[in-house]
N, C-alpha and C. Protein backbone atom coordinates (compact mmCIF):
# COMPACT_ATOMS: atom_id res chain seq x y z
N MET A 1 -2.38 -16.56 -9.11
CA MET A 1 -2.83 -17.92 -8.91
C MET A 1 -1.66 -18.87 -9.14
N ALA A 2 -1.89 -20.13 -8.90
CA ALA A 2 -0.83 -21.12 -9.03
C ALA A 2 -0.36 -21.27 -10.46
N ASP A 3 -1.22 -20.95 -11.43
CA ASP A 3 -0.83 -21.09 -12.84
C ASP A 3 -0.07 -19.87 -13.36
N GLY A 4 0.16 -18.88 -12.50
CA GLY A 4 0.93 -17.71 -12.89
C GLY A 4 0.10 -16.53 -13.33
N THR A 5 -1.21 -16.70 -13.45
CA THR A 5 -2.04 -15.57 -13.85
C THR A 5 -2.24 -14.66 -12.65
N PRO A 6 -2.17 -13.35 -12.86
CA PRO A 6 -2.34 -12.44 -11.73
C PRO A 6 -3.78 -12.48 -11.22
N THR A 7 -3.91 -12.25 -9.94
CA THR A 7 -5.24 -12.24 -9.35
C THR A 7 -5.49 -10.88 -8.74
N THR A 8 -6.74 -10.52 -8.62
CA THR A 8 -7.11 -9.29 -7.95
C THR A 8 -8.19 -9.61 -6.93
N PHE A 9 -8.24 -8.81 -5.90
CA PHE A 9 -9.28 -8.99 -4.91
C PHE A 9 -10.53 -8.30 -5.40
N SER A 10 -11.66 -8.73 -4.89
CA SER A 10 -12.93 -8.16 -5.31
C SER A 10 -13.02 -6.71 -4.89
N SER A 11 -13.96 -5.99 -5.49
CA SER A 11 -14.13 -4.58 -5.18
C SER A 11 -14.55 -4.36 -3.74
N GLU A 12 -15.02 -5.41 -3.07
CA GLU A 12 -15.38 -5.29 -1.66
C GLU A 12 -14.16 -4.95 -0.82
N VAL A 13 -12.99 -5.40 -1.24
CA VAL A 13 -11.77 -5.21 -0.47
C VAL A 13 -11.11 -3.88 -0.78
N VAL A 14 -11.27 -3.38 -2.00
CA VAL A 14 -10.62 -2.14 -2.40
C VAL A 14 -11.14 -0.99 -1.56
N GLY A 15 -10.24 -0.17 -1.05
CA GLY A 15 -10.63 0.99 -0.27
C GLY A 15 -10.74 0.73 1.22
N LYS A 16 -10.47 -0.46 1.66
CA LYS A 16 -10.48 -0.75 3.08
C LYS A 16 -9.22 -1.51 3.45
N THR A 17 -9.01 -1.68 4.70
CA THR A 17 -7.85 -2.43 5.18
C THR A 17 -8.07 -3.91 4.94
N LEU A 18 -7.08 -4.55 4.35
CA LEU A 18 -7.14 -5.98 4.09
C LEU A 18 -6.76 -6.71 5.38
N THR A 19 -7.61 -7.58 5.85
CA THR A 19 -7.39 -8.28 7.11
C THR A 19 -7.09 -9.76 6.86
N LYS A 20 -6.70 -10.43 7.93
CA LYS A 20 -6.45 -11.86 7.85
C LYS A 20 -7.73 -12.59 7.44
N ALA A 21 -8.85 -12.15 7.94
CA ALA A 21 -10.12 -12.77 7.57
C ALA A 21 -10.38 -12.63 6.07
N ASP A 22 -9.96 -11.51 5.48
CA ASP A 22 -10.10 -11.33 4.03
C ASP A 22 -9.24 -12.34 3.28
N PHE A 23 -8.03 -12.58 3.77
CA PHE A 23 -7.17 -13.59 3.16
C PHE A 23 -7.82 -14.97 3.24
N VAL A 24 -8.36 -15.28 4.41
CA VAL A 24 -9.01 -16.58 4.59
C VAL A 24 -10.17 -16.72 3.62
N GLU A 25 -10.99 -15.70 3.51
CA GLU A 25 -12.14 -15.75 2.61
C GLU A 25 -11.70 -15.90 1.15
N SER A 26 -10.62 -15.23 0.78
CA SER A 26 -10.10 -15.32 -0.59
C SER A 26 -9.60 -16.74 -0.88
N VAL A 27 -8.85 -17.32 0.05
CA VAL A 27 -8.36 -18.70 -0.13
C VAL A 27 -9.54 -19.65 -0.21
N TYR A 28 -10.52 -19.48 0.67
CA TYR A 28 -11.70 -20.35 0.69
C TYR A 28 -12.46 -20.29 -0.63
N SER A 29 -12.66 -19.08 -1.16
CA SER A 29 -13.48 -18.94 -2.37
C SER A 29 -12.74 -19.35 -3.64
N ARG A 30 -11.42 -19.30 -3.64
CA ARG A 30 -10.65 -19.59 -4.85
C ARG A 30 -10.17 -21.03 -4.95
N ILE A 31 -10.08 -21.71 -3.84
CA ILE A 31 -9.58 -23.09 -3.86
C ILE A 31 -10.73 -24.01 -3.49
N GLY A 32 -11.21 -24.75 -4.45
CA GLY A 32 -12.32 -25.66 -4.21
C GLY A 32 -11.92 -26.81 -3.31
N GLY A 33 -12.86 -27.28 -2.54
CA GLY A 33 -12.62 -28.45 -1.70
C GLY A 33 -12.08 -28.13 -0.32
N LEU A 34 -11.86 -26.85 -0.01
CA LEU A 34 -11.39 -26.47 1.31
C LEU A 34 -12.54 -25.90 2.12
N SER A 35 -12.61 -26.27 3.37
CA SER A 35 -13.58 -25.63 4.25
C SER A 35 -12.99 -24.30 4.71
N ARG A 36 -13.82 -23.47 5.31
CA ARG A 36 -13.31 -22.19 5.84
C ARG A 36 -12.25 -22.45 6.91
N ARG A 37 -12.47 -23.49 7.70
CA ARG A 37 -11.51 -23.83 8.75
C ARG A 37 -10.16 -24.23 8.13
N ASP A 38 -10.20 -25.02 7.05
CA ASP A 38 -8.97 -25.41 6.36
C ASP A 38 -8.29 -24.19 5.74
N ALA A 39 -9.08 -23.31 5.16
CA ALA A 39 -8.52 -22.09 4.57
C ALA A 39 -7.85 -21.24 5.65
N ALA A 40 -8.49 -21.14 6.80
CA ALA A 40 -7.91 -20.38 7.92
C ALA A 40 -6.61 -21.01 8.38
N GLU A 41 -6.55 -22.33 8.38
CA GLU A 41 -5.34 -23.03 8.78
C GLU A 41 -4.20 -22.78 7.79
N VAL A 42 -4.53 -22.77 6.50
CA VAL A 42 -3.52 -22.48 5.47
C VAL A 42 -2.94 -21.08 5.67
N VAL A 43 -3.82 -20.11 5.88
CA VAL A 43 -3.37 -18.73 6.08
C VAL A 43 -2.54 -18.63 7.36
N ASP A 44 -3.00 -19.26 8.44
CA ASP A 44 -2.25 -19.25 9.70
C ASP A 44 -0.87 -19.88 9.53
N LEU A 45 -0.80 -21.00 8.82
CA LEU A 45 0.49 -21.65 8.60
C LEU A 45 1.44 -20.77 7.80
N LEU A 46 0.91 -20.07 6.81
CA LEU A 46 1.73 -19.16 6.02
C LEU A 46 2.30 -18.05 6.90
N PHE A 47 1.43 -17.40 7.68
CA PHE A 47 1.91 -16.31 8.54
C PHE A 47 2.86 -16.81 9.62
N GLU A 48 2.59 -17.97 10.18
CA GLU A 48 3.49 -18.53 11.19
C GLU A 48 4.87 -18.81 10.60
N SER A 49 4.89 -19.35 9.40
CA SER A 49 6.15 -19.63 8.73
C SER A 49 6.94 -18.35 8.50
N VAL A 50 6.26 -17.30 8.07
CA VAL A 50 6.92 -16.01 7.85
C VAL A 50 7.46 -15.47 9.17
N LYS A 51 6.64 -15.51 10.23
CA LYS A 51 7.09 -15.00 11.53
C LYS A 51 8.29 -15.77 12.07
N GLU A 52 8.25 -17.10 11.96
CA GLU A 52 9.36 -17.92 12.46
C GLU A 52 10.64 -17.63 11.69
N THR A 53 10.52 -17.48 10.38
CA THR A 53 11.70 -17.18 9.55
C THR A 53 12.30 -15.84 9.93
N LEU A 54 11.46 -14.82 10.10
CA LEU A 54 11.94 -13.50 10.49
C LEU A 54 12.52 -13.51 11.89
N ALA A 55 11.93 -14.27 12.80
CA ALA A 55 12.44 -14.35 14.18
C ALA A 55 13.85 -14.94 14.21
N ARG A 56 14.16 -15.81 13.25
CA ARG A 56 15.52 -16.38 13.17
C ARG A 56 16.50 -15.39 12.52
N GLY A 57 15.99 -14.26 12.08
CA GLY A 57 16.85 -13.26 11.45
C GLY A 57 17.05 -13.48 9.97
N GLU A 58 16.27 -14.38 9.38
CA GLU A 58 16.38 -14.67 7.95
C GLU A 58 15.41 -13.81 7.16
N ALA A 59 15.73 -13.55 5.92
CA ALA A 59 14.87 -12.74 5.04
C ALA A 59 13.75 -13.60 4.46
N VAL A 60 12.65 -12.96 4.15
CA VAL A 60 11.53 -13.60 3.47
C VAL A 60 11.37 -12.88 2.14
N LYS A 61 11.53 -13.62 1.05
CA LYS A 61 11.43 -13.05 -0.28
C LYS A 61 10.24 -13.68 -0.99
N ILE A 62 9.29 -12.84 -1.39
CA ILE A 62 8.10 -13.32 -2.08
C ILE A 62 8.15 -12.74 -3.48
N SER A 63 8.40 -13.59 -4.45
CA SER A 63 8.55 -13.17 -5.83
C SER A 63 7.33 -12.39 -6.30
N GLY A 64 7.56 -11.26 -6.92
CA GLY A 64 6.48 -10.43 -7.43
C GLY A 64 5.82 -9.57 -6.38
N PHE A 65 6.27 -9.68 -5.13
CA PHE A 65 5.68 -8.90 -4.04
C PHE A 65 6.74 -8.05 -3.34
N GLY A 66 7.74 -8.69 -2.74
CA GLY A 66 8.78 -7.92 -2.08
C GLY A 66 9.57 -8.75 -1.09
N ASN A 67 10.45 -8.07 -0.37
CA ASN A 67 11.34 -8.70 0.59
C ASN A 67 11.13 -8.13 1.99
N PHE A 68 11.03 -9.03 2.96
CA PHE A 68 10.99 -8.64 4.37
C PHE A 68 12.34 -9.00 4.96
N GLU A 69 12.93 -8.07 5.70
CA GLU A 69 14.22 -8.33 6.34
C GLU A 69 14.20 -7.80 7.77
N VAL A 70 14.94 -8.47 8.65
CA VAL A 70 15.13 -7.98 10.01
C VAL A 70 16.50 -7.34 10.05
N ARG A 71 16.54 -6.11 10.55
CA ARG A 71 17.81 -5.40 10.66
C ARG A 71 18.08 -5.06 12.11
N ASP A 72 19.35 -5.14 12.48
CA ASP A 72 19.76 -4.77 13.83
C ASP A 72 20.14 -3.30 13.83
N LYS A 73 19.55 -2.54 14.74
CA LYS A 73 19.90 -1.14 14.89
C LYS A 73 20.72 -0.98 16.15
N LYS A 74 21.78 -0.22 16.07
CA LYS A 74 22.65 0.02 17.22
C LYS A 74 21.98 0.99 18.18
N ALA A 75 22.44 0.94 19.42
CA ALA A 75 21.99 1.94 20.40
C ALA A 75 22.50 3.30 19.93
N ARG A 76 21.71 4.33 20.20
CA ARG A 76 22.12 5.67 19.78
C ARG A 76 21.54 6.70 20.73
N VAL A 77 22.07 7.89 20.61
CA VAL A 77 21.58 8.99 21.44
C VAL A 77 20.51 9.73 20.66
N GLY A 78 19.38 9.96 21.31
CA GLY A 78 18.30 10.72 20.72
C GLY A 78 18.01 11.92 21.61
N ARG A 79 16.99 12.65 21.25
CA ARG A 79 16.65 13.84 22.02
C ARG A 79 15.16 13.83 22.34
N ASN A 80 14.84 14.10 23.59
CA ASN A 80 13.46 14.23 24.00
C ASN A 80 12.96 15.57 23.47
N PRO A 81 11.97 15.58 22.59
CA PRO A 81 11.54 16.83 21.97
C PRO A 81 10.87 17.81 22.96
N GLN A 82 10.34 17.30 24.07
CA GLN A 82 9.69 18.18 25.03
C GLN A 82 10.69 18.89 25.93
N THR A 83 11.73 18.15 26.35
CA THR A 83 12.69 18.73 27.29
C THR A 83 14.00 19.12 26.62
N GLY A 84 14.28 18.56 25.46
CA GLY A 84 15.54 18.84 24.79
C GLY A 84 16.70 18.04 25.34
N ARG A 85 16.46 17.19 26.31
CA ARG A 85 17.53 16.39 26.92
C ARG A 85 17.88 15.19 26.04
N ASP A 86 19.16 14.82 26.10
CA ASP A 86 19.61 13.63 25.39
C ASP A 86 19.15 12.39 26.13
N ILE A 87 18.70 11.39 25.37
CA ILE A 87 18.32 10.11 25.94
C ILE A 87 18.94 9.01 25.09
N GLU A 88 19.19 7.87 25.72
CA GLU A 88 19.74 6.76 24.94
C GLU A 88 18.60 5.91 24.40
N ILE A 89 18.63 5.69 23.11
CA ILE A 89 17.68 4.80 22.46
C ILE A 89 18.36 3.45 22.36
N SER A 90 17.76 2.44 22.95
CA SER A 90 18.40 1.13 23.04
C SER A 90 18.51 0.43 21.68
N ALA A 91 19.44 -0.51 21.61
CA ALA A 91 19.60 -1.32 20.40
C ALA A 91 18.34 -2.16 20.22
N ARG A 92 17.99 -2.40 18.98
CA ARG A 92 16.78 -3.18 18.72
C ARG A 92 16.82 -3.77 17.32
N ARG A 93 15.88 -4.67 17.08
CA ARG A 93 15.72 -5.26 15.76
C ARG A 93 14.48 -4.66 15.14
N VAL A 94 14.56 -4.31 13.86
CA VAL A 94 13.41 -3.73 13.17
C VAL A 94 13.13 -4.53 11.90
N LEU A 95 11.88 -4.54 11.52
CA LEU A 95 11.44 -5.23 10.31
C LEU A 95 11.35 -4.21 9.19
N THR A 96 11.95 -4.53 8.05
CA THR A 96 11.86 -3.65 6.89
C THR A 96 11.22 -4.41 5.74
N PHE A 97 10.56 -3.67 4.87
CA PHE A 97 9.95 -4.25 3.68
C PHE A 97 10.36 -3.42 2.48
N LYS A 98 10.78 -4.11 1.44
CA LYS A 98 11.10 -3.44 0.18
C LYS A 98 10.25 -4.09 -0.91
N ALA A 99 9.41 -3.28 -1.53
CA ALA A 99 8.51 -3.78 -2.57
C ALA A 99 9.32 -4.17 -3.80
N SER A 100 8.86 -5.24 -4.48
CA SER A 100 9.50 -5.66 -5.73
C SER A 100 9.14 -4.68 -6.84
N GLN A 101 9.91 -4.71 -7.89
CA GLN A 101 9.64 -3.84 -9.03
C GLN A 101 8.29 -4.18 -9.65
N VAL A 102 7.92 -5.45 -9.66
CA VAL A 102 6.62 -5.88 -10.20
C VAL A 102 5.49 -5.19 -9.41
N LEU A 103 5.58 -5.20 -8.08
CA LEU A 103 4.57 -4.57 -7.25
C LEU A 103 4.55 -3.06 -7.46
N LYS A 104 5.73 -2.45 -7.52
CA LYS A 104 5.81 -1.00 -7.75
C LYS A 104 5.17 -0.64 -9.09
N ASP A 105 5.45 -1.43 -10.12
CA ASP A 105 4.87 -1.16 -11.43
C ASP A 105 3.35 -1.29 -11.39
N GLN A 106 2.86 -2.31 -10.70
CA GLN A 106 1.40 -2.51 -10.62
C GLN A 106 0.73 -1.38 -9.86
N LEU A 107 1.38 -0.85 -8.82
CA LEU A 107 0.80 0.24 -8.06
C LEU A 107 0.75 1.53 -8.88
N ASN A 108 1.64 1.66 -9.84
CA ASN A 108 1.73 2.89 -10.62
C ASN A 108 1.07 2.81 -11.98
N GLU A 109 0.27 1.78 -12.23
CA GLU A 109 -0.43 1.64 -13.51
C GLU A 109 -1.53 2.67 -13.62
């Protein structure tokens, strides 16, 4: 939460895939005075900001969660496993995520 206390999602979320709608519902239920539409807009703005930052090639660092980085991979030669022939794998950008130590510790409690 904003005051620094850790938050957990309800047991309804545990054991299933967390979706954008779940984030919206969590923001709506935890922040008084926001409509669901406003909560959805907050979540959309957050994700848009992250996407735009990554598209510029900049890292996104979320304290207590982890780091998202875009890395450039060079073109390389690979092998088609069915035919055994060499093929060129084109250069591309990939997104990487490295969990923070806080998150790793929480997962291993």
